[in-house]
Amino acid sequence: MAKNKKRKKPSKTPHSSHTGFKHSQSYLETCYATAKRIIRAVGEDETLFDAFTKRQKKDLFRITITPPYVAAKRGHKVPKPFLRYIQENLTDFMRLKPFNEEHGVSYMDIVTVGQCLLLSFDAEANRNYLPSPQIDIVKHLLDVFHEKHIFADSQLKVVGAIRISLMSLSQPNFRIYGLDTVQPEALIDRPVVQQMQYITTHECQKLHFTHHGKEHLAYRIFLAPISEFPSAAAYIPKDEVIPGARHEMQMDIYIQAHALHRLKERVDAIYPVIRNQYIYLSLMCSKTIRGADGKLYIPYFLPETNVELHLGYFAFTVKGNNLIVLTFLPLFSQRVPEGKILSERLQLSQEDVTYLGMDRLSFFFDVDIDQIPALKKVLFDELHLEYIRDLYKTFCDKDQALIGKRTSFVKNFFSKIETNDIQPDHGEE
């Protein structure tokens, strides 16, 4: 019987080193074209990039910087659907939002190819191995990049985009989501540098206060804390609330759970994440308005426009240096300007408004107001509330039978008013 011959162990192919990492030619060509666009975007001649040799260009892009990736920080539990929502919003922002529209540079270009170019230029400037004129071009472009602050500004925009998503998901009376930013390490010998953005969770801050002789509880408003909590608490200038106060004095903002529940009931035709986002932006950015009852209110408005388009109002009180939101008033409450005008023109009581369902935003989507001339005249011709009807037109894709039923109900209520020649009362000249 023949003896078994010992088989030679197959020799292992040594792993390629990081410095030998190769990119595809199509990837490199894309990087080169993007680099030229970025150079044009900072006001320089793109032919500066052509001064580098083929080998030097490859060396500039031997590393890859990934787009920012969102994950939960260790020890912080964040629902996976929330992480997907934040990542999708961030990716859409970076791809669709132009950093420089004229030269076709997006924020995605800046945070990937641009950051890679910056790290490579920085490394080459420190090593000083390149011959002239290439090293002179590297130092010149590096100075221009730093002078224009394009990478610092792009990082702020990325953080801002994430913060908007975090505001949409945070619940002041439940949990606040924050952000812990981690800068990519400038390790030139690594083929890939992962940009991580870690989502953190924070418990709400409570405030016990007395109002009309009763004990109440409110929760502090935060704008997606960054790194150190509570580094991004919401404030409102004190002179917006108390006439004569110094502008530099800030008031902390708190809100009752009651106000959040009322807003959810009455602004019922907007996605919850968007409705949440508007709470933060309205309380931070809006000015108080004098209501029909002489009291001050904070408008709840659409932040996408230059003009404030109101969807309701926050009623509040002041306790020391704290502004406390007590409740949410619908747009047609008789305590606010729009509600007073509606009541006077159509002789509607607050009970009538509630009966018709006009205290809810969905009224504009469930009822064909064009079929009710008296109501249309006040809402659209005088109060100019077409923006509510046009808001998120996807909500208009409803059961037409239901809309017809609601419209008939409201139309019958106004049938007597429509037979009268009602003229808007603009007051004395």
Protein backbone atom coordinates (compact mmCIF):
# COMPACT_ATOMS: atom_id res chain seq x y z
CA MET A 1 0.00 0.00 0.00
CA ALA A 2 1.47 3.27 -1.13
CA LYS A 3 2.32 5.79 1.44
CA ASN A 4 0.30 8.98 1.42
CA LYS A 5 2.35 11.78 0.08
CA LYS A 6 2.23 14.96 2.07
CA ARG A 7 0.54 17.60 0.07
CA LYS A 8 2.10 20.98 -0.01
CA LYS A 9 0.06 23.64 1.62
CA PRO A 10 -1.11 26.17 -0.92
CA SER A 11 0.86 29.35 -0.60
CA LYS A 12 -1.17 32.25 0.59
CA THR A 13 -1.29 35.28 -1.60
CA PRO A 14 -0.22 38.22 0.53
CA HIS A 15 -2.90 40.82 1.11
CA SER A 16 -2.43 43.95 -0.84
CA SER A 17 -1.33 46.83 1.28
CA HIS A 18 -3.53 49.84 1.80
CA THR A 19 -1.19 51.95 -0.26
CA GLY A 20 -1.63 49.54 -3.16
CA PHE A 21 -5.41 49.89 -3.16
CA LYS A 22 -6.67 50.54 -6.68
CA HIS A 23 -9.77 52.40 -7.84
CA SER A 24 -11.49 51.73 -11.14
CA GLN A 25 -10.71 54.09 -13.98
CA SER A 26 -14.35 55.19 -14.24
CA TYR A 27 -14.36 56.10 -10.54
CA LEU A 28 -11.18 58.12 -10.93
CA GLU A 29 -12.51 59.94 -13.99
CA THR A 30 -15.62 60.89 -12.00
CA CYS A 31 -13.43 62.19 -9.18
CA TYR A 32 -11.33 64.23 -11.60
CA ALA A 33 -14.38 65.84 -13.20
CA THR A 34 -15.86 66.64 -9.79
CA ALA A 35 -12.57 68.11 -8.58
CA LYS A 36 -12.53 70.47 -11.55
CA ARG A 37 -16.08 71.61 -10.82
CA ILE A 38 -15.15 72.28 -7.19
CA ILE A 39 -12.12 74.31 -8.27
CA ARG A 40 -14.35 76.37 -10.57
CA ALA A 41 -16.84 76.82 -7.73
CA VAL A 42 -14.20 78.54 -5.57
CA GLY A 43 -13.36 80.93 -8.38
CA GLU A 44 -10.18 79.28 -9.68
CA ASP A 45 -9.21 77.97 -13.13
CA GLU A 46 -9.97 74.26 -13.52
CA THR A 47 -6.86 73.82 -15.69
CA LEU A 48 -4.84 73.98 -12.46
CA PHE A 49 -5.89 70.38 -11.87
CA ASP A 50 -4.51 69.35 -15.29
CA ALA A 51 -1.03 70.38 -14.13
CA PHE A 52 -0.84 67.17 -12.09
CA THR A 53 0.52 64.05 -13.76
CA LYS A 54 -1.56 60.91 -14.16
CA ARG A 55 0.25 59.30 -11.25
CA GLN A 56 -0.18 62.37 -9.04
CA LYS A 57 -3.92 62.51 -9.74
CA LYS A 58 -4.27 58.87 -8.73
CA ASP A 59 -2.37 59.56 -5.52
CA LEU A 60 -4.72 62.44 -4.68
CA PHE A 61 -7.66 60.01 -4.74
CA ARG A 62 -6.08 56.84 -3.33
CA ILE A 63 -8.40 57.20 -0.35
CA THR A 64 -12.19 57.27 -0.45
CA ILE A 65 -14.31 59.35 1.89
CA THR A 66 -17.81 57.98 2.29
CA PRO A 67 -20.91 60.16 2.66
CA PRO A 68 -21.94 60.78 6.30
CA TYR A 69 -23.49 57.67 7.79
CA VAL A 70 -26.03 57.85 10.63
CA ALA A 71 -25.99 55.37 13.52
CA ALA A 72 -27.09 55.21 17.15
CA LYS A 73 -24.37 56.05 19.63
CA ARG A 74 -23.38 53.18 21.90
CA GLY A 75 -25.63 53.17 24.94
CA HIS A 76 -28.35 55.21 23.21
CA LYS A 77 -31.38 53.37 21.85
CA VAL A 78 -32.80 54.88 18.65
CA PRO A 79 -35.55 53.09 16.68
CA LYS A 80 -34.29 51.78 13.34
CA PRO A 81 -37.10 53.50 11.37
CA PHE A 82 -35.91 56.80 12.88
CA LEU A 83 -32.34 56.13 11.73
CA ARG A 84 -33.58 55.31 8.22
CA TYR A 85 -35.65 58.50 8.17
CA ILE A 86 -32.66 60.64 9.19
CA GLN A 87 -30.34 58.93 6.69
CA GLU A 88 -32.78 59.29 3.80
CA ASN A 89 -33.39 62.97 4.54
CA LEU A 90 -29.65 63.62 4.82
CA THR A 91 -28.88 61.80 1.56
CA ASP A 92 -31.63 63.67 -0.30
CA PHE A 93 -30.29 66.97 1.03
CA MET A 94 -26.71 66.25 -0.04
CA ARG A 95 -27.69 65.03 -3.49
CA LEU A 96 -30.39 67.56 -4.33
CA LYS A 97 -29.26 70.71 -2.55
CA PRO A 98 -26.75 72.55 -4.75
CA PHE A 99 -23.63 73.89 -3.09
CA ASN A 100 -22.92 75.83 -6.26
CA GLU A 101 -25.72 75.57 -8.80
CA GLU A 102 -23.83 77.45 -11.53
CA HIS A 103 -21.06 74.86 -11.68
CA GLY A 104 -23.17 71.83 -10.77
CA VAL A 105 -21.58 71.13 -7.39
CA SER A 106 -23.76 69.44 -4.79
CA TYR A 107 -23.13 69.03 -1.08
CA MET A 108 -22.54 65.34 -1.80
CA ASP A 109 -19.62 66.35 -4.04
CA ILE A 110 -18.17 68.54 -1.30
CA VAL A 111 -18.40 66.05 1.56
CA THR A 112 -16.95 63.17 -0.47
CA VAL A 113 -14.66 64.18 -3.36
CA GLY A 114 -14.06 67.65 -1.93
CA GLN A 115 -13.07 66.35 1.50
CA CYS A 116 -10.81 63.77 -0.12
CA LEU A 117 -9.11 66.51 -2.15
CA LEU A 118 -8.70 68.63 0.97
CA LEU A 119 -7.07 65.80 2.98
CA SER A 120 -4.74 64.92 0.12
CA PHE A 121 -3.72 68.54 -0.44
CA ASP A 122 -3.12 68.97 3.25
CA ALA A 123 -0.94 65.84 3.39
CA GLU A 124 1.05 66.83 0.31
CA ALA A 125 1.61 70.36 1.63
CA ASN A 126 3.02 68.92 4.88
CA ARG A 127 5.22 66.32 3.18
CA ASN A 128 6.39 68.76 0.51
CA TYR A 129 7.48 65.93 -1.81
CA LEU A 130 5.86 67.21 -4.99
CA PRO A 131 7.98 69.19 -7.44
CA SER A 132 7.17 72.69 -8.59
CA PRO A 133 4.75 73.85 -10.00
CA GLN A 134 2.49 71.10 -8.54
CA ILE A 135 3.36 71.84 -4.91
CA ASP A 136 2.70 75.54 -5.53
CA ILE A 137 -0.76 74.69 -6.93
CA VAL A 138 -1.50 72.46 -3.92
CA LYS A 139 -0.63 75.22 -1.45
CA HIS A 140 -2.52 77.84 -3.44
CA LEU A 141 -5.72 75.77 -3.67
CA LEU A 142 -5.40 74.80 -0.01
CA ASP A 143 -5.29 78.51 0.93
CA VAL A 144 -8.33 79.19 -1.26
CA PHE A 145 -10.30 76.31 0.29
CA HIS A 146 -9.58 77.58 3.80
CA GLU A 147 -10.29 81.19 2.83
CA LYS A 148 -13.68 80.28 1.34
CA HIS A 149 -14.58 78.08 4.37
CA ILE A 150 -16.35 75.71 2.00
CA PHE A 151 -15.67 72.56 4.00
CA ALA A 152 -16.50 74.07 7.38
CA ASP A 153 -19.69 75.56 5.92
CA SER A 154 -20.66 72.27 4.28
CA GLN A 155 -20.21 70.48 7.60
CA LEU A 156 -22.52 73.01 9.26
CA LYS A 157 -25.11 72.42 6.54
CA VAL A 158 -24.92 68.66 7.03
CA VAL A 159 -25.35 69.05 10.78
CA GLY A 160 -28.23 71.46 10.15
CA ALA A 161 -29.97 68.96 7.87
CA ILE A 162 -29.66 66.26 10.52
CA ARG A 163 -30.89 68.66 13.20
CA ILE A 164 -34.07 69.35 11.21
CA SER A 165 -34.78 65.60 11.14
CA LEU A 166 -34.07 65.31 14.85
CA MET A 167 -36.51 68.12 15.59
CA SER A 168 -39.12 66.21 13.60
CA LEU A 169 -38.64 63.09 15.72
CA SER A 170 -38.15 64.61 19.17
CA GLN A 171 -41.08 64.81 21.58
CA PRO A 172 -40.60 67.45 24.28
CA ASN A 173 -42.74 65.46 26.72
CA PHE A 174 -41.11 62.10 25.94
CA ARG A 175 -37.60 62.04 24.46
CA ILE A 176 -35.16 64.39 22.76
CA TYR A 177 -32.85 63.16 20.01
CA GLY A 178 -29.42 64.75 19.64
CA LEU A 179 -26.26 64.44 17.60
CA ASP A 180 -22.66 63.57 18.42
CA THR A 181 -20.50 64.55 15.46
CA VAL A 182 -17.29 62.66 14.75
CA GLN A 183 -14.80 64.19 12.34
CA PRO A 184 -13.09 61.85 9.83
CA GLU A 185 -9.48 61.02 10.65
CA ALA A 186 -6.89 62.31 8.21
CA LEU A 187 -5.12 58.98 7.65
CA ILE A 188 -3.78 59.11 4.13
CA ASP A 189 -2.75 55.42 4.03
CA ARG A 190 -6.25 54.11 4.55
CA PRO A 191 -8.31 53.40 1.43
CA VAL A 192 -11.62 54.39 3.06
CA VAL A 193 -12.49 57.02 5.63
CA GLN A 194 -15.96 56.57 7.11
CA GLN A 195 -17.80 59.72 8.19
CA MET A 196 -20.02 58.84 11.15
CA GLN A 197 -22.82 60.86 12.71
CA TYR A 198 -24.02 59.34 15.99
CA ILE A 199 -27.58 59.93 17.19
CA THR A 200 -28.04 60.35 20.93
CA THR A 201 -31.09 60.26 23.18
CA HIS A 202 -31.88 62.54 26.11
CA GLU A 203 -34.65 62.59 28.66
CA CYS A 204 -36.93 65.61 28.78
CA GLN A 205 -36.54 68.38 31.36
CA LYS A 206 -39.61 69.15 33.45
CA LEU A 207 -40.90 72.33 35.07
CA HIS A 208 -43.60 72.41 37.75
CA PHE A 209 -45.48 75.70 37.94
CA THR A 210 -48.70 77.18 39.32
CA HIS A 211 -51.30 78.74 37.03
CA HIS A 212 -54.67 80.03 38.22
CA GLY A 213 -54.08 78.35 41.56
CA LYS A 214 -53.44 74.88 40.08
CA GLU A 215 -50.25 72.87 39.75
CA HIS A 216 -49.13 72.17 36.17
CA LEU A 217 -46.25 70.42 34.42
CA ALA A 218 -44.37 71.67 31.35
CA TYR A 219 -41.44 70.37 29.31
CA ARG A 220 -38.45 72.27 27.98
CA ILE A 221 -38.01 72.77 24.23
CA PHE A 222 -34.66 71.67 22.80
CA LEU A 223 -33.26 71.96 19.30
CA ALA A 224 -31.52 68.62 18.77
CA PRO A 225 -28.62 68.84 21.25
CA ILE A 226 -25.19 68.70 19.66
CA SER A 227 -22.52 66.83 21.69
CA GLU A 228 -23.12 68.49 25.07
CA PHE A 229 -26.68 68.44 26.46
CA PRO A 230 -28.38 70.88 26.83
CA SER A 231 -26.28 72.90 24.40
CA ALA A 232 -29.20 73.70 22.07
CA ALA A 233 -32.07 74.80 24.30
CA ALA A 234 -34.71 76.94 22.60
CA TYR A 235 -34.90 80.60 23.61
CA ILE A 236 -37.02 83.60 22.73
CA PRO A 237 -35.89 87.25 23.07
CA LYS A 238 -37.47 88.74 26.19
CA ASP A 239 -38.44 91.97 24.43
CA GLU A 240 -40.74 89.93 22.15
CA VAL A 241 -42.89 89.17 25.17
CA ILE A 242 -42.26 91.96 27.65
CA PRO A 243 -42.15 95.47 26.12
CA GLY A 244 -39.12 97.43 27.25
CA ALA A 245 -37.01 94.40 28.13
CA ARG A 246 -33.47 94.23 26.78
CA HIS A 247 -33.20 92.34 23.50
CA GLU A 248 -30.14 90.36 24.58
CA MET A 249 -32.10 88.81 27.47
CA GLN A 250 -33.39 85.34 26.58
CA MET A 251 -36.31 83.37 27.98
CA ASP A 252 -36.37 79.57 28.24
CA ILE A 253 -39.31 77.95 26.43
CA TYR A 254 -41.46 75.22 27.97
CA ILE A 255 -44.62 73.58 26.67
CA GLN A 256 -47.46 71.67 28.32
CA ALA A 257 -48.44 68.24 27.05
CA HIS A 258 -51.96 69.67 26.74
CA ALA A 259 -50.73 72.06 24.03
CA LEU A 260 -49.13 69.20 22.11
CA HIS A 261 -52.33 67.14 22.25
CA ARG A 262 -54.48 70.08 21.11
CA LEU A 263 -52.14 70.79 18.21
CA LYS A 264 -52.24 67.14 17.14
CA GLU A 265 -56.06 67.24 17.12
CA ARG A 266 -56.40 70.50 15.23
CA VAL A 267 -53.48 70.36 12.79
CA ASP A 268 -54.60 66.92 11.69
CA ALA A 269 -53.78 67.09 7.97
CA ILE A 270 -50.00 67.31 8.24
CA TYR A 271 -47.58 64.46 8.75
CA PRO A 272 -46.53 64.16 12.43
CA VAL A 273 -42.82 64.62 11.72
CA ILE A 274 -43.50 67.87 9.85
CA ARG A 275 -45.97 69.04 12.48
CA ASN A 276 -43.30 68.47 15.14
CA GLN A 277 -40.71 70.36 13.14
CA TYR A 278 -43.02 73.40 12.85
CA ILE A 279 -43.45 73.48 16.64
CA TYR A 280 -39.75 74.06 17.21
CA LEU A 281 -39.27 76.52 14.37
CA SER A 282 -42.37 78.54 15.26
CA LEU A 283 -41.46 78.89 18.92
CA MET A 284 -37.89 79.85 18.05
CA CYS A 285 -38.40 82.12 15.05
CA SER A 286 -41.80 83.74 15.33
CA LYS A 287 -42.82 87.10 16.78
CA THR A 288 -45.77 87.47 19.13
CA ILE A 289 -49.04 88.81 17.70
CA ARG A 290 -51.78 90.70 19.53
CA GLY A 291 -54.96 88.64 19.50
CA ALA A 292 -58.56 89.77 19.20
CA ASP A 293 -58.86 89.62 22.99
CA GLY A 294 -55.83 91.92 23.46
CA LYS A 295 -53.48 89.14 24.63
CA LEU A 296 -50.23 88.12 22.97
CA TYR A 297 -49.97 84.84 21.07
CA ILE A 298 -47.17 83.03 19.22
CA PRO A 299 -48.14 82.03 15.66
CA TYR A 300 -47.71 78.44 14.53
CA PHE A 301 -46.63 78.93 10.92
CA LEU A 302 -45.10 77.47 7.78
CA PRO A 303 -41.35 78.14 7.87
CA GLU A 304 -40.65 77.47 4.17
CA THR A 305 -41.79 80.91 3.02
CA ASN A 306 -40.54 84.45 3.54
CA VAL A 307 -44.00 85.48 4.76
CA GLU A 308 -45.46 83.88 7.88
CA LEU A 309 -48.46 81.78 6.86
CA HIS A 310 -50.31 80.92 10.04
CA LEU A 311 -51.91 77.58 10.90
CA GLY A 312 -52.86 78.41 14.49
CA TYR A 313 -51.55 80.07 17.64
CA PHE A 314 -49.86 79.17 20.92
CA ALA A 315 -51.26 80.67 24.11
CA PHE A 316 -48.61 81.19 26.77
CA THR A 317 -47.79 82.65 30.15
CA VAL A 318 -44.57 83.96 31.68
CA LYS A 319 -43.17 82.67 34.96
CA GLY A 320 -39.93 84.38 35.94
CA ASN A 321 -37.52 83.87 33.04
CA ASN A 322 -39.60 81.06 31.53
CA LEU A 323 -42.12 81.29 28.70
CA ILE A 324 -44.61 78.46 29.12
CA VAL A 325 -46.90 77.41 26.25
CA LEU A 326 -50.27 76.53 27.78
CA THR A 327 -52.40 75.43 24.84
CA PHE A 328 -52.86 75.59 21.09
CA LEU A 329 -55.62 77.68 19.50
CA PRO A 330 -57.01 76.85 16.05
CA LEU A 331 -56.92 79.48 13.34
CA PHE A 332 -60.63 80.23 13.77
CA SER A 333 -60.67 80.66 17.52
CA GLN A 334 -62.46 83.93 18.31
CA ARG A 335 -59.48 84.90 20.46
CA VAL A 336 -57.22 85.36 17.39
CA PRO A 337 -57.50 87.76 14.40
CA GLU A 338 -58.65 85.27 11.73
CA GLY A 339 -61.29 83.77 14.00
CA LYS A 340 -62.70 87.18 14.93
CA ILE A 341 -63.05 88.22 11.28
CA LEU A 342 -64.74 84.92 10.38
CA SER A 343 -67.15 85.26 13.29
CA GLU A 344 -68.07 88.86 12.45
CA ARG A 345 -68.54 88.30 8.72
CA LEU A 346 -70.60 85.11 8.94
CA GLN A 347 -72.13 85.52 12.41
CA LEU A 348 -70.59 82.27 13.63
CA SER A 349 -70.21 81.39 17.29
CA GLN A 350 -67.32 79.32 18.58
CA GLU A 351 -69.78 76.42 18.92
CA ASP A 352 -70.68 76.79 15.20
CA VAL A 353 -67.00 76.65 14.24
CA THR A 354 -66.53 73.44 16.21
CA TYR A 355 -69.79 71.96 14.89
CA LEU A 356 -68.71 72.54 11.29
CA GLY A 357 -65.27 71.11 11.95
CA MET A 358 -63.53 74.38 11.09
CA ASP A 359 -61.33 74.06 14.18
CA ARG A 360 -59.37 71.36 12.33
CA LEU A 361 -57.04 71.88 9.39
CA SER A 362 -58.58 68.92 7.57
CA PHE A 363 -61.67 71.08 6.96
CA PHE A 364 -59.83 72.68 4.02
CA PHE A 365 -59.21 69.25 2.46
CA ASP A 366 -62.54 67.59 3.28
CA VAL A 367 -64.81 70.39 2.06
CA ASP A 368 -65.06 71.89 -1.43
CA ILE A 369 -65.11 75.52 -0.31
CA ASP A 370 -65.61 76.74 -3.89
CA GLN A 371 -69.21 75.48 -3.69
CA ILE A 372 -69.96 77.76 -0.72
CA PRO A 373 -69.67 81.38 -1.99
CA ALA A 374 -70.23 83.11 1.35
CA LEU A 375 -67.52 81.05 3.05
CA LYS A 376 -65.16 81.31 0.07
CA LYS A 377 -65.45 85.11 0.06
CA VAL A 378 -64.26 85.36 3.66
CA LEU A 379 -61.63 82.61 3.67
CA PHE A 380 -59.99 83.29 0.32
CA ASP A 381 -60.89 86.81 -0.80
CA GLU A 382 -60.50 88.49 2.58
CA LEU A 383 -58.31 86.28 4.77
CA HIS A 384 -56.27 84.91 1.82
CA LEU A 385 -56.03 81.39 3.24
CA GLU A 386 -55.56 79.67 -0.12
CA TYR A 387 -52.17 78.48 1.13
CA ILE A 388 -53.87 76.10 3.55
CA ARG A 389 -55.88 74.52 0.77
CA ASP A 390 -52.75 74.23 -1.35
CA LEU A 391 -50.69 72.85 1.52
CA TYR A 392 -49.46 69.31 0.78
CA LYS A 393 -51.81 68.64 -2.09
CA THR A 394 -51.32 64.91 -1.63
CA PHE A 395 -53.87 65.14 1.16
CA CYS A 396 -56.53 66.12 -1.39
CA ASP A 397 -56.51 62.60 -2.84
CA LYS A 398 -59.42 61.47 -0.68
CA ASP A 399 -62.69 59.65 -1.11
CA GLN A 400 -64.78 61.98 -3.27
CA ALA A 401 -67.98 60.60 -1.75
CA LEU A 402 -66.77 61.65 1.70
CA ILE A 403 -65.81 65.12 0.43
CA GLY A 404 -69.21 65.48 -1.22
CA LYS A 405 -70.97 64.49 2.00
CA ARG A 406 -68.98 66.94 4.12
CA THR A 407 -69.47 69.68 1.53
CA SER A 408 -73.24 69.17 1.49
CA PHE A 409 -73.34 69.32 5.28
CA VAL A 410 -71.46 72.65 5.41
CA LYS A 411 -73.30 74.01 2.35
CA ASN A 412 -76.68 73.38 3.97
CA PHE A 413 -75.53 75.21 7.10
CA PHE A 414 -74.56 78.27 5.06
CA SER A 415 -77.57 78.14 2.74
CA LYS A 416 -79.31 81.00 4.50
CA ILE A 417 -76.13 83.10 4.57
CA GLU A 418 -75.50 82.52 0.85
CA THR A 419 -78.87 84.03 -0.01
CA ASN A 420 -77.85 87.32 1.63
CA ASP A 421 -75.56 89.87 0.04
CA ILE A 422 -72.84 89.90 2.68
CA GLN A 423 -70.18 92.55 2.15
CA PRO A 424 -66.93 92.46 4.09
CA ASP A 425 -66.82 95.16 6.74
CA HIS A 426 -63.52 96.94 6.37
CA GLY A 427 -64.36 99.49 9.07
CA GLU A 428 -64.30 103.24 8.86
CA GLU A 429 -62.04 104.92 6.38
